[in-house]
N, C-alpha and C. Protein backbone atom coordinates (compact mmCIF):
# COMPACT_ATOMS: atom_id res chain seq x y z
N MET A 1 -111.11 -88.34 -192.79
CA MET A 1 -110.75 -89.27 -193.97
C MET A 1 -110.53 -89.26 -195.70
N ARG A 2 -109.04 -89.28 -196.23
CA ARG A 2 -109.46 -88.87 -197.46
C ARG A 2 -109.46 -90.34 -197.96
N ILE A 3 -110.00 -90.45 -198.99
CA ILE A 3 -110.64 -91.95 -199.88
C ILE A 3 -110.30 -91.34 -201.20
N GLU A 4 -109.47 -92.12 -201.48
CA GLU A 4 -109.03 -93.02 -203.33
C GLU A 4 -109.40 -94.22 -203.41
N LEU A 5 -110.42 -94.09 -204.40
CA LEU A 5 -111.09 -94.90 -205.14
C LEU A 5 -110.47 -95.56 -206.49
N PHE A 6 -109.69 -96.99 -206.64
CA PHE A 6 -108.52 -96.76 -207.76
C PHE A 6 -109.94 -98.29 -208.36
N GLY A 7 -110.69 -97.93 -209.55
CA GLY A 7 -111.37 -99.26 -210.20
C GLY A 7 -111.37 -98.48 -211.58
N ARG A 8 -112.78 -99.01 -212.29
CA ARG A 8 -112.94 -99.13 -213.13
C ARG A 8 -114.60 -98.91 -213.34
N PRO A 9 -115.59 -98.59 -214.08
CA PRO A 9 -116.53 -99.00 -213.98
C PRO A 9 -117.24 -100.53 -214.45
N TYR A 10 -118.45 -100.74 -214.09
CA TYR A 10 -119.05 -102.18 -214.55
C TYR A 10 -118.05 -103.20 -214.07
N ASN A 11 -117.53 -103.27 -213.02
CA ASN A 11 -116.71 -104.67 -211.99
C ASN A 11 -117.27 -104.40 -210.88
N ARG A 12 -116.22 -104.90 -209.64
CA ARG A 12 -116.50 -105.03 -208.48
C ARG A 12 -116.38 -103.87 -207.72
N THR A 13 -115.59 -102.60 -208.56
CA THR A 13 -115.70 -101.24 -208.27
C THR A 13 -117.11 -100.73 -207.85
N ASP A 14 -118.24 -101.21 -208.91
CA ASP A 14 -119.32 -100.43 -208.22
C ASP A 14 -119.92 -100.43 -206.80
N ARG A 15 -119.26 -101.92 -206.64
CA ARG A 15 -120.34 -102.16 -205.23
C ARG A 15 -119.53 -100.95 -203.90
N VAL A 16 -118.24 -100.84 -204.34
CA VAL A 16 -117.80 -99.79 -203.07
C VAL A 16 -118.05 -98.43 -203.59
N GLN A 17 -118.29 -97.96 -204.75
CA GLN A 17 -118.86 -96.82 -205.24
C GLN A 17 -120.19 -96.66 -204.68
N TRP A 18 -120.94 -97.27 -204.67
CA TRP A 18 -122.39 -97.49 -204.47
C TRP A 18 -122.34 -97.00 -202.85
N THR A 19 -121.45 -97.89 -202.15
CA THR A 19 -121.70 -97.60 -200.49
C THR A 19 -121.06 -96.22 -200.44
N LEU A 20 -120.04 -96.00 -201.31
CA LEU A 20 -119.49 -94.55 -200.62
C LEU A 20 -120.66 -93.54 -201.05
N GLU A 21 -121.54 -93.65 -202.15
CA GLU A 21 -122.29 -92.88 -202.56
C GLU A 21 -123.71 -92.98 -201.71
N GLU A 22 -123.78 -93.98 -200.86
CA GLU A 22 -124.75 -94.17 -199.89
C GLU A 22 -124.56 -93.36 -198.97
N LEU A 23 -122.96 -93.46 -198.18
CA LEU A 23 -122.59 -92.75 -196.92
C LEU A 23 -122.67 -91.43 -197.32
N GLY A 24 -122.72 -91.06 -198.51
CA GLY A 24 -122.96 -89.46 -198.65
C GLY A 24 -121.61 -88.95 -198.49
N VAL A 25 -120.06 -89.51 -198.53
CA VAL A 25 -119.07 -88.92 -197.92
C VAL A 25 -118.17 -88.60 -199.09
N PRO A 26 -117.08 -87.71 -199.26
CA PRO A 26 -116.51 -87.07 -200.04
C PRO A 26 -115.69 -88.04 -200.60
N TYR A 27 -115.28 -88.66 -202.13
CA TYR A 27 -113.90 -89.35 -202.33
C TYR A 27 -113.55 -89.10 -203.75
N GLU A 28 -112.09 -89.50 -204.06
CA GLU A 28 -111.43 -89.44 -205.32
C GLU A 28 -111.70 -90.61 -206.13
N TYR A 29 -112.31 -90.59 -207.27
CA TYR A 29 -112.42 -92.07 -208.03
C TYR A 29 -111.21 -91.58 -209.22
N ARG A 30 -110.12 -92.42 -208.73
CA ARG A 30 -109.20 -92.98 -209.95
C ARG A 30 -109.85 -94.01 -210.96
N LYS A 31 -110.25 -93.60 -211.58
CA LYS A 31 -110.61 -94.40 -213.25
C LYS A 31 -109.43 -94.97 -213.47
N LEU A 32 -109.32 -96.26 -213.68
CA LEU A 32 -107.98 -96.70 -214.58
C LEU A 32 -108.23 -97.54 -215.63
N ASP A 33 -107.51 -97.30 -216.52
CA ASP A 33 -107.76 -97.85 -217.99
C ASP A 33 -106.84 -99.46 -218.09
N VAL A 34 -107.78 -100.59 -217.62
CA VAL A 34 -107.05 -101.59 -217.84
C VAL A 34 -106.83 -102.15 -219.47
N PHE A 35 -107.65 -101.91 -220.29
CA PHE A 35 -107.01 -101.99 -221.87
C PHE A 35 -106.01 -101.66 -222.02
N ALA A 36 -105.35 -100.38 -221.44
CA ALA A 36 -104.27 -99.74 -221.64
C ALA A 36 -103.08 -100.30 -220.44
N LEU A 37 -103.54 -101.37 -219.56
CA LEU A 37 -102.79 -101.52 -218.57
C LEU A 37 -102.59 -100.45 -217.19
N GLU A 38 -102.98 -100.02 -217.31
CA GLU A 38 -102.93 -98.43 -216.80
C GLU A 38 -102.53 -99.23 -215.46
N HIS A 39 -103.58 -99.85 -214.90
CA HIS A 39 -103.51 -100.67 -213.50
C HIS A 39 -102.06 -101.47 -213.21
N ARG A 40 -101.52 -101.68 -214.35
CA ARG A 40 -100.06 -102.35 -213.74
C ARG A 40 -99.26 -101.60 -213.87
N SER A 41 -99.11 -100.51 -214.06
CA SER A 41 -97.74 -99.44 -214.00
C SER A 41 -97.56 -99.29 -212.46
N GLY A 42 -96.21 -98.68 -212.29
CA GLY A 42 -95.28 -98.43 -211.40
C GLY A 42 -95.86 -98.29 -209.96
N GLU A 43 -96.80 -97.13 -210.27
CA GLU A 43 -97.09 -96.49 -209.20
C GLU A 43 -98.74 -97.21 -208.83
N PHE A 44 -99.43 -97.80 -209.29
CA PHE A 44 -100.50 -98.76 -208.70
C PHE A 44 -99.96 -99.85 -207.96
N ARG A 45 -98.85 -100.57 -208.98
CA ARG A 45 -98.64 -101.82 -208.70
C ARG A 45 -97.78 -101.47 -207.01
N ASP A 46 -97.01 -100.24 -206.54
CA ASP A 46 -96.43 -100.01 -205.56
C ASP A 46 -97.28 -100.02 -204.27
N LEU A 47 -99.06 -99.86 -204.71
CA LEU A 47 -100.11 -99.31 -203.39
C LEU A 47 -100.15 -101.15 -203.30
N TYR A 48 -100.67 -101.70 -204.27
CA TYR A 48 -101.18 -102.96 -203.93
C TYR A 48 -100.51 -104.26 -205.25
N GLY A 49 -99.64 -104.80 -205.08
CA GLY A 49 -98.78 -106.10 -205.92
C GLY A 49 -99.61 -106.31 -206.69
N LEU A 50 -100.83 -106.85 -206.43
CA LEU A 50 -101.76 -107.84 -207.58
C LEU A 50 -102.20 -106.91 -208.54
N THR A 51 -102.33 -105.64 -208.27
CA THR A 51 -103.05 -104.64 -208.99
C THR A 51 -104.76 -105.04 -209.45
N ARG A 52 -105.16 -105.93 -209.02
CA ARG A 52 -106.49 -106.22 -209.03
C ARG A 52 -107.25 -104.88 -208.62
N LEU A 53 -108.93 -104.61 -209.10
CA LEU A 53 -109.41 -103.70 -208.72
C LEU A 53 -110.68 -104.33 -208.30
N PRO A 54 -111.19 -103.82 -207.32
CA PRO A 54 -110.81 -102.31 -206.68
C PRO A 54 -110.07 -102.39 -205.89
N PHE A 55 -109.15 -101.29 -205.44
CA PHE A 55 -108.46 -101.29 -204.01
C PHE A 55 -108.45 -99.45 -203.42
N VAL A 56 -108.69 -99.48 -202.46
CA VAL A 56 -108.73 -98.28 -202.36
C VAL A 56 -107.30 -97.70 -201.07
N ARG A 57 -107.28 -96.12 -201.35
CA ARG A 57 -106.16 -95.88 -200.12
C ARG A 57 -107.56 -94.94 -199.13
N LEU A 58 -107.68 -95.32 -197.98
CA LEU A 58 -108.08 -94.45 -197.01
C LEU A 58 -106.37 -93.69 -196.17
N ASP A 59 -106.59 -92.27 -196.30
CA ASP A 59 -105.75 -91.57 -195.63
C ASP A 59 -104.22 -92.52 -196.31
N ASP A 60 -103.27 -93.28 -195.48
CA ASP A 60 -102.58 -94.38 -195.82
C ASP A 60 -102.41 -95.59 -195.93
N GLU A 61 -103.62 -95.67 -195.47
CA GLU A 61 -103.76 -97.41 -195.33
C GLU A 61 -103.84 -97.70 -196.64
N VAL A 62 -103.82 -98.61 -197.61
CA VAL A 62 -104.32 -99.54 -198.98
C VAL A 62 -105.17 -100.48 -198.17
N LEU A 63 -106.24 -100.60 -198.50
CA LEU A 63 -107.30 -102.01 -198.65
C LEU A 63 -107.71 -102.43 -200.05
N PHE A 64 -107.97 -103.79 -200.18
CA PHE A 64 -108.20 -104.45 -201.20
C PHE A 64 -109.26 -105.39 -200.77
N GLU A 65 -110.04 -106.14 -201.91
CA GLU A 65 -111.18 -106.48 -201.44
C GLU A 65 -112.56 -106.33 -201.71
N SER A 66 -113.41 -106.16 -202.55
CA SER A 66 -114.58 -104.95 -202.24
C SER A 66 -115.11 -105.45 -200.93
N GLY A 67 -115.75 -106.35 -200.89
CA GLY A 67 -116.19 -107.07 -199.54
C GLY A 67 -115.53 -106.09 -198.33
N ALA A 68 -114.78 -106.51 -198.29
CA ALA A 68 -113.74 -105.59 -197.12
C ALA A 68 -113.43 -104.34 -197.03
N ILE A 69 -113.67 -103.47 -198.25
CA ILE A 69 -113.74 -102.61 -198.31
C ILE A 69 -115.08 -101.91 -197.89
N MET A 70 -115.76 -102.52 -198.21
CA MET A 70 -117.24 -101.86 -197.87
C MET A 70 -117.32 -101.77 -196.36
N LEU A 71 -116.98 -103.23 -195.78
CA LEU A 71 -117.30 -103.20 -194.48
C LEU A 71 -116.39 -102.68 -193.54
N ALA A 72 -115.44 -102.23 -194.46
CA ALA A 72 -114.16 -101.27 -193.31
C ALA A 72 -114.70 -100.18 -193.45
N LEU A 73 -115.70 -99.43 -194.45
CA LEU A 73 -116.29 -98.12 -194.47
C LEU A 73 -117.63 -98.07 -194.03
N ALA A 74 -118.65 -98.54 -194.01
CA ALA A 74 -119.33 -99.10 -193.45
C ALA A 74 -119.25 -98.67 -192.27
N GLU A 75 -118.51 -99.49 -191.52
CA GLU A 75 -117.91 -99.52 -189.73
C GLU A 75 -117.44 -98.18 -189.24
N HIS A 76 -116.41 -97.51 -190.17
CA HIS A 76 -116.02 -96.47 -189.93
C HIS A 76 -117.03 -95.09 -189.92
N PHE A 77 -118.20 -95.16 -190.74
CA PHE A 77 -119.18 -93.93 -191.03
C PHE A 77 -120.13 -94.49 -190.76
N ARG A 78 -120.50 -95.63 -189.74
CA ARG A 78 -122.04 -96.11 -189.50
C ARG A 78 -122.15 -94.52 -188.48
N SER A 79 -121.48 -94.02 -187.81
CA SER A 79 -122.85 -93.21 -186.86
C SER A 79 -122.93 -91.78 -188.31
N LYS A 80 -122.72 -91.83 -189.67
CA LYS A 80 -123.39 -90.56 -190.47
C LYS A 80 -124.13 -91.33 -191.14
N VAL A 81 -124.19 -92.49 -191.58
CA VAL A 81 -125.17 -93.41 -192.23
C VAL A 81 -125.10 -94.96 -192.11
N ASP A 82 -126.23 -95.64 -191.40
CA ASP A 82 -126.00 -97.25 -190.88
C ASP A 82 -126.58 -97.78 -191.72
N LEU A 83 -125.19 -98.30 -192.31
CA LEU A 83 -125.51 -99.77 -193.43
C LEU A 83 -124.46 -100.70 -192.79
N LEU A 84 -124.71 -101.09 -191.59
CA LEU A 84 -124.49 -102.17 -190.95
C LEU A 84 -124.58 -102.17 -189.27
N PRO A 85 -125.07 -103.38 -188.89
CA PRO A 85 -125.53 -103.67 -187.57
C PRO A 85 -124.49 -103.62 -186.79
N GLU A 86 -124.84 -103.30 -185.10
CA GLU A 86 -123.64 -103.46 -184.69
C GLU A 86 -122.98 -104.60 -184.25
N SER A 87 -121.32 -104.64 -184.36
CA SER A 87 -120.46 -105.74 -184.17
C SER A 87 -121.32 -106.92 -182.99
N GLY A 88 -120.99 -108.23 -183.69
CA GLY A 88 -121.68 -109.22 -182.20
C GLY A 88 -123.03 -109.51 -182.66
N SER A 89 -123.95 -108.73 -183.01
CA SER A 89 -125.24 -108.85 -182.96
C SER A 89 -125.82 -109.79 -184.29
N VAL A 90 -127.10 -110.75 -183.66
CA VAL A 90 -127.42 -111.54 -184.44
C VAL A 90 -127.73 -110.60 -186.20
N ASP A 91 -128.34 -109.80 -186.04
CA ASP A 91 -128.64 -108.81 -187.43
C ASP A 91 -127.29 -108.61 -188.28
N TYR A 92 -126.09 -108.62 -186.99
CA TYR A 92 -124.86 -108.34 -187.82
C TYR A 92 -123.89 -109.32 -188.51
N ARG A 93 -124.24 -110.29 -187.79
CA ARG A 93 -123.79 -112.04 -188.67
C ARG A 93 -124.54 -112.33 -189.71
N GLU A 94 -125.99 -111.99 -189.92
CA GLU A 94 -126.33 -112.22 -190.91
C GLU A 94 -126.48 -111.33 -192.29
N VAL A 95 -125.71 -110.07 -191.74
CA VAL A 95 -125.26 -108.76 -192.95
C VAL A 95 -124.35 -109.86 -193.21
N LEU A 96 -123.22 -110.01 -192.56
CA LEU A 96 -121.87 -110.84 -193.02
C LEU A 96 -122.22 -111.83 -194.33
N GLN A 97 -123.40 -112.80 -193.55
CA GLN A 97 -123.57 -114.07 -194.51
C GLN A 97 -124.33 -113.41 -195.78
N TRP A 98 -124.51 -112.22 -195.55
CA TRP A 98 -125.41 -112.04 -197.15
C TRP A 98 -124.57 -111.51 -197.84
N LEU A 99 -123.41 -110.82 -197.19
CA LEU A 99 -122.83 -109.75 -198.18
C LEU A 99 -121.43 -110.83 -199.10
N PHE A 100 -120.91 -111.85 -197.81
CA PHE A 100 -120.47 -113.01 -198.42
C PHE A 100 -120.92 -113.33 -199.68
N PHE A 101 -122.40 -114.20 -199.29
CA PHE A 101 -123.02 -114.76 -200.41
C PHE A 101 -122.98 -114.08 -201.60
N ALA A 102 -122.58 -113.12 -201.50
CA ALA A 102 -123.16 -111.81 -202.78
C ALA A 102 -121.31 -111.95 -203.49
N VAL A 103 -120.34 -111.75 -202.51
CA VAL A 103 -119.26 -111.48 -203.36
C VAL A 103 -118.37 -112.90 -203.56
N SER A 104 -119.04 -114.03 -203.27
CA SER A 104 -118.62 -115.11 -203.25
C SER A 104 -119.27 -116.23 -204.23
N THR A 105 -120.59 -116.97 -203.28
CA THR A 105 -121.40 -117.62 -204.02
C THR A 105 -122.01 -117.08 -205.02
N LEU A 106 -122.76 -115.76 -205.36
CA LEU A 106 -123.17 -115.32 -206.05
C LEU A 106 -122.14 -115.21 -207.22
N ASP A 107 -121.07 -114.46 -207.22
CA ASP A 107 -120.09 -113.93 -207.84
C ASP A 107 -119.77 -115.11 -208.64
N ALA A 108 -119.74 -116.16 -208.14
CA ALA A 108 -118.65 -117.44 -208.18
C ALA A 108 -119.45 -118.22 -209.56
N ALA A 109 -121.04 -118.21 -209.50
CA ALA A 109 -122.04 -119.48 -209.66
C ALA A 109 -121.31 -119.72 -211.10
N ASP A 110 -122.07 -120.62 -211.50
CA ASP A 110 -121.76 -121.27 -212.96
C ASP A 110 -123.03 -121.51 -213.25
N GLU A 111 -123.59 -120.67 -214.60
CA GLU A 111 -124.58 -120.69 -215.32
C GLU A 111 -124.88 -122.33 -215.87
N SER A 112 -123.33 -122.39 -216.83
CA SER A 112 -123.23 -123.66 -217.47
C SER A 112 -123.77 -125.26 -216.67
N LEU A 113 -123.46 -125.12 -215.14
CA LEU A 113 -124.24 -126.30 -214.26
C LEU A 113 -125.48 -126.64 -214.34
N PRO A 114 -125.58 -127.90 -214.24
CA PRO A 114 -126.88 -128.31 -214.20
C PRO A 114 -127.19 -128.26 -212.67
N SER A 115 -128.84 -128.15 -212.49
CA SER A 115 -129.20 -127.83 -210.96
C SER A 115 -128.64 -129.16 -210.01
N ASN A 116 -128.05 -128.98 -209.03
CA ASN A 116 -127.74 -129.95 -208.13
C ASN A 116 -126.38 -130.57 -208.49
N ALA A 117 -125.56 -129.92 -209.33
CA ALA A 117 -124.40 -130.55 -209.83
C ALA A 117 -123.28 -130.88 -208.66
N GLU A 118 -122.74 -131.58 -208.82
CA GLU A 118 -122.11 -132.14 -207.53
C GLU A 118 -121.03 -133.21 -208.23
N PRO A 119 -119.88 -132.87 -207.83
CA PRO A 119 -118.87 -132.14 -206.80
C PRO A 119 -118.21 -130.92 -207.54
N THR A 120 -118.55 -129.50 -207.23
CA THR A 120 -117.87 -128.56 -207.95
C THR A 120 -117.43 -127.76 -206.72
N ALA A 121 -116.58 -126.95 -207.23
CA ALA A 121 -116.19 -125.35 -206.69
C ALA A 121 -116.67 -124.69 -206.83
N PHE A 122 -118.17 -124.47 -207.27
CA PHE A 122 -118.99 -123.40 -207.50
C PHE A 122 -120.60 -123.95 -207.52
N ALA A 123 -121.12 -123.03 -207.26
CA ALA A 123 -122.68 -123.75 -207.17
C ALA A 123 -123.38 -123.36 -208.77
N PRO A 124 -124.32 -124.01 -208.73
CA PRO A 124 -124.75 -123.80 -209.98
C PRO A 124 -125.83 -122.86 -209.98
N LEU A 125 -125.79 -121.71 -210.75
CA LEU A 125 -125.89 -120.36 -211.35
C LEU A 125 -127.84 -120.57 -210.67
N VAL A 126 -128.66 -121.45 -211.55
CA VAL A 126 -129.71 -122.05 -211.11
C VAL A 126 -130.46 -122.39 -209.55
N ASP A 127 -129.74 -122.97 -209.22
CA ASP A 127 -129.65 -123.20 -207.61
C ASP A 127 -129.63 -121.67 -206.60
N VAL A 128 -128.71 -121.24 -206.88
CA VAL A 128 -128.15 -119.96 -206.48
C VAL A 128 -129.72 -119.12 -206.52
N LEU A 129 -129.80 -118.78 -207.66
CA LEU A 129 -131.33 -117.71 -208.02
C LEU A 129 -132.26 -118.36 -207.60
N THR A 130 -132.89 -119.87 -207.12
CA THR A 130 -133.63 -120.43 -206.91
C THR A 130 -133.59 -120.27 -205.23
N PHE A 131 -132.47 -120.10 -204.46
CA PHE A 131 -132.53 -120.21 -203.16
C PHE A 131 -132.89 -118.90 -203.06
N LEU A 132 -132.24 -117.94 -203.66
CA LEU A 132 -132.53 -116.32 -203.53
C LEU A 132 -133.78 -115.76 -203.83
N GLU A 133 -134.68 -116.66 -204.75
CA GLU A 133 -135.96 -116.00 -205.03
C GLU A 133 -136.80 -116.27 -203.85
N GLU A 134 -136.64 -117.76 -203.07
CA GLU A 134 -137.08 -118.08 -201.64
C GLU A 134 -137.26 -117.34 -201.06
N THR A 135 -135.39 -116.81 -200.83
CA THR A 135 -135.67 -116.19 -199.61
C THR A 135 -136.17 -114.90 -199.55
N LEU A 136 -136.23 -114.12 -200.88
CA LEU A 136 -136.81 -113.01 -200.94
C LEU A 136 -138.40 -112.84 -200.88
N ALA A 137 -139.00 -113.98 -200.79
CA ALA A 137 -140.61 -114.07 -201.28
C ALA A 137 -141.03 -112.82 -199.89
N GLU A 138 -140.57 -112.77 -199.13
CA GLU A 138 -141.51 -111.95 -198.00
C GLU A 138 -140.49 -111.19 -197.72
N ARG A 139 -139.29 -110.58 -198.00
CA ARG A 139 -138.07 -110.17 -197.51
C ARG A 139 -138.25 -108.24 -198.78
N THR A 140 -137.89 -107.52 -198.40
CA THR A 140 -137.77 -106.35 -199.31
C THR A 140 -136.06 -105.81 -198.77
N CYS A 141 -135.67 -106.41 -197.80
CA CYS A 141 -134.07 -106.35 -197.68
C CYS A 141 -133.34 -107.65 -197.53
N ILE A 142 -132.43 -107.61 -197.71
CA ILE A 142 -131.83 -109.22 -197.75
C ILE A 142 -131.43 -109.61 -196.29
N ALA A 143 -131.41 -108.58 -195.29
CA ALA A 143 -130.64 -108.91 -194.01
C ALA A 143 -130.78 -107.68 -193.26
N ALA A 144 -131.21 -108.08 -191.96
CA ALA A 144 -131.26 -107.45 -191.05
C ALA A 144 -132.60 -106.55 -191.08
N SER A 145 -133.76 -106.48 -191.66
CA SER A 145 -134.76 -106.19 -192.00
C SER A 145 -134.97 -104.45 -192.36
N ARG A 146 -133.55 -104.04 -193.05
CA ARG A 146 -133.08 -103.06 -193.29
C ARG A 146 -132.04 -102.84 -194.48
N PHE A 147 -132.27 -101.88 -195.33
CA PHE A 147 -131.19 -101.73 -196.34
C PHE A 147 -129.91 -101.51 -195.59
N THR A 148 -128.81 -102.49 -196.00
CA THR A 148 -127.18 -102.59 -195.27
C THR A 148 -126.45 -102.57 -196.64
N ILE A 149 -125.44 -103.08 -196.25
CA ILE A 149 -124.45 -103.25 -197.29
C ILE A 149 -124.23 -104.44 -198.08
N ALA A 150 -125.04 -105.73 -197.47
CA ALA A 150 -125.59 -106.74 -197.86
C ALA A 150 -126.16 -106.32 -199.13
N ASP A 151 -127.05 -105.29 -198.93
CA ASP A 151 -128.11 -105.37 -200.52
C ASP A 151 -127.17 -105.15 -201.33
N ILE A 152 -126.21 -103.93 -201.40
CA ILE A 152 -125.37 -103.18 -201.99
C ILE A 152 -124.87 -104.35 -202.76
N ALA A 153 -124.33 -104.89 -201.85
CA ALA A 153 -123.40 -106.31 -202.76
C ALA A 153 -124.00 -107.39 -203.54
N LEU A 154 -125.39 -107.68 -203.30
CA LEU A 154 -126.25 -108.79 -203.69
C LEU A 154 -126.91 -107.72 -204.87
N SER A 155 -127.60 -106.68 -205.02
CA SER A 155 -128.14 -105.74 -206.17
C SER A 155 -126.99 -105.60 -207.16
N ASN A 156 -126.28 -104.83 -206.72
CA ASN A 156 -124.84 -104.77 -207.84
C ASN A 156 -124.55 -106.13 -208.70
N ASN A 157 -124.41 -107.48 -207.69
CA ASN A 157 -123.92 -108.76 -208.45
C ASN A 157 -124.67 -109.30 -209.34
N LEU A 158 -126.34 -108.73 -208.94
CA LEU A 158 -127.26 -108.94 -209.86
C LEU A 158 -127.63 -108.40 -211.18
N LYS A 159 -127.15 -107.36 -211.35
CA LYS A 159 -126.98 -106.97 -212.82
C LYS A 159 -126.21 -107.64 -213.51
N TYR A 160 -125.20 -108.26 -213.49
CA TYR A 160 -124.70 -109.26 -214.03
C TYR A 160 -125.23 -110.68 -214.36
N VAL A 161 -126.20 -111.07 -213.72
CA VAL A 161 -127.05 -112.10 -213.79
C VAL A 161 -128.11 -112.09 -215.15
N ASP A 162 -128.93 -111.33 -214.84
CA ASP A 162 -130.08 -111.54 -215.95
C ASP A 162 -130.55 -110.32 -216.29
N ASP A 163 -131.53 -110.25 -217.77
CA ASP A 163 -131.60 -108.80 -217.77
C ASP A 163 -133.29 -108.49 -217.61
N ASP A 164 -133.74 -109.56 -217.25
CA ASP A 164 -135.23 -109.46 -216.51
C ASP A 164 -135.97 -110.01 -215.69
N PHE A 165 -134.91 -111.26 -215.27
CA PHE A 165 -135.42 -112.34 -214.34
C PHE A 165 -136.58 -112.94 -214.52
N SER A 166 -136.78 -113.05 -215.31
CA SER A 166 -137.86 -113.98 -216.08
C SER A 166 -137.79 -115.19 -214.93
N GLY A 167 -138.48 -115.49 -214.32
CA GLY A 167 -138.96 -116.38 -213.97
C GLY A 167 -138.52 -116.08 -212.25
N TYR A 168 -138.21 -115.33 -212.24
CA TYR A 168 -137.84 -115.05 -210.98
C TYR A 168 -138.62 -113.59 -210.15
N PRO A 169 -140.04 -113.64 -210.27
CA PRO A 169 -140.39 -112.49 -209.66
C PRO A 169 -139.73 -111.50 -208.53
N HIS A 170 -139.69 -112.25 -207.58
CA HIS A 170 -138.80 -111.63 -206.02
C HIS A 170 -137.88 -111.27 -206.50
N ILE A 171 -137.19 -111.93 -206.91
CA ILE A 171 -135.90 -111.34 -207.60
C ILE A 171 -135.82 -110.06 -208.00
N ALA A 172 -136.86 -110.13 -209.14
CA ALA A 172 -137.16 -109.00 -209.96
C ALA A 172 -137.47 -107.51 -209.39
N ARG A 173 -138.17 -107.86 -208.36
CA ARG A 173 -138.90 -107.06 -207.64
C ARG A 173 -137.76 -106.00 -206.66
N TYR A 174 -136.65 -107.11 -205.92
CA TYR A 174 -136.01 -106.44 -205.30
C TYR A 174 -134.78 -105.74 -206.04
N PHE A 175 -134.55 -106.06 -207.17
CA PHE A 175 -133.78 -105.73 -207.81
C PHE A 175 -133.92 -104.61 -208.39
N LYS A 176 -135.21 -104.76 -208.64
CA LYS A 176 -135.51 -102.79 -209.06
C LYS A 176 -135.69 -102.01 -208.19
N GLU A 177 -135.98 -102.44 -207.21
CA GLU A 177 -136.37 -101.40 -205.82
C GLU A 177 -134.92 -101.10 -205.44
N HIS A 178 -133.85 -101.18 -205.36
CA HIS A 178 -132.70 -101.61 -204.47
C HIS A 178 -132.06 -100.56 -205.81
N THR A 179 -131.73 -100.86 -206.73
CA THR A 179 -131.05 -99.91 -207.95
C THR A 179 -132.10 -99.34 -208.54
N SER A 180 -133.10 -98.34 -208.05
CA SER A 180 -133.99 -97.18 -207.97
C SER A 180 -133.33 -95.85 -206.85
N ARG A 181 -132.72 -97.00 -205.90
CA ARG A 181 -132.39 -95.51 -205.21
C ARG A 181 -131.24 -94.62 -205.59
N PRO A 182 -131.58 -93.69 -204.92
CA PRO A 182 -130.77 -92.09 -205.32
C PRO A 182 -129.40 -92.66 -205.40
N ALA A 183 -128.81 -93.48 -204.61
CA ALA A 183 -127.26 -93.56 -204.83
C ALA A 183 -126.80 -94.15 -205.55
N TYR A 184 -127.54 -95.14 -206.23
CA TYR A 184 -127.18 -95.94 -207.27
C TYR A 184 -127.22 -95.21 -208.50
N ARG A 185 -128.30 -93.94 -208.81
CA ARG A 185 -128.31 -93.42 -210.00
C ARG A 185 -127.40 -92.52 -209.90
N ARG A 186 -126.69 -91.93 -208.89
CA ARG A 186 -126.11 -91.11 -208.85
C ARG A 186 -124.69 -91.37 -209.30
N MET A 187 -124.28 -93.16 -208.98
CA MET A 187 -123.26 -93.61 -209.54
C MET A 187 -123.10 -93.76 -210.84
N LEU A 188 -124.43 -94.03 -211.71
CA LEU A 188 -124.23 -94.35 -212.65
C LEU A 188 -124.08 -92.83 -213.58
N ALA A 189 -124.47 -91.90 -213.07
CA ALA A 189 -124.47 -90.70 -213.60
C ALA A 189 -123.32 -90.13 -213.49
N GLN A 190 -122.43 -90.42 -212.82
CA GLN A 190 -121.17 -89.38 -212.64
C GLN A 190 -120.28 -90.01 -213.91
N PRO A 191 -119.09 -88.80 -214.31
CA PRO A 191 -118.37 -88.90 -215.51
C PRO A 191 -117.52 -90.39 -215.92
N GLU A 192 -117.55 -91.06 -214.74
CA GLU A 192 -116.35 -92.14 -214.85
C GLU A 192 -117.31 -93.39 -215.66
N TYR A 193 -118.37 -93.37 -215.63
CA TYR A 193 -119.14 -94.37 -216.85
C TYR A 193 -119.43 -94.05 -218.12
N LYS A 194 -119.27 -92.64 -218.26
CA LYS A 194 -119.69 -92.40 -220.11
C LYS A 194 -117.98 -93.19 -220.51
N GLY A 195 -118.61 -93.51 -221.79
CA GLY A 195 -118.20 -94.42 -222.54
C GLY A 195 -117.83 -95.76 -222.34
N SER A 196 -117.61 -96.43 -221.06
CA SER A 196 -117.29 -97.29 -220.42
C SER A 196 -118.00 -98.84 -220.81
N ARG A 197 -117.39 -99.65 -220.62
CA ARG A 197 -118.14 -100.78 -220.41
C ARG A 197 -117.67 -102.06 -220.72
């Protein structure tokens, strides 16, 4: 399978690239300059009309939404590196639950909201982090008792939340452990990250 990743560093592209690095499969990274509106040009608009990043081309198939891309890659390459339990199992459902928690609830959490703010479309960040801190008290991985795509999505999103996670020691431990993985370090060492932010 030929894999082209269209994106930019320090956004949702990172969690897809980290997944690819964990899987150890070859891929081409097409870094797009969003400030020059390169992603809005005809070539990329023809591939994905909304032109939000990331999206991938898997042979001739275009797939967008980072969580969906991670899931598709983990399923396709499961025999190479197992980042996803078998479909239909309790562990699989738990991984899906935490994957979507990371890419929706945590991604959209609002730091300006006070605890237990209702009604709102977004959860208060303080409540999300408190819930996550309690969950991680006795876990090294968020789901299925092992490292999965849910850990990739969750760890990657946490890097945008806090610098040191003061007051959240279990989150701090979890974040440090997973962002010390060789695949994450390889992602950060690639030329796409030079001069980006």
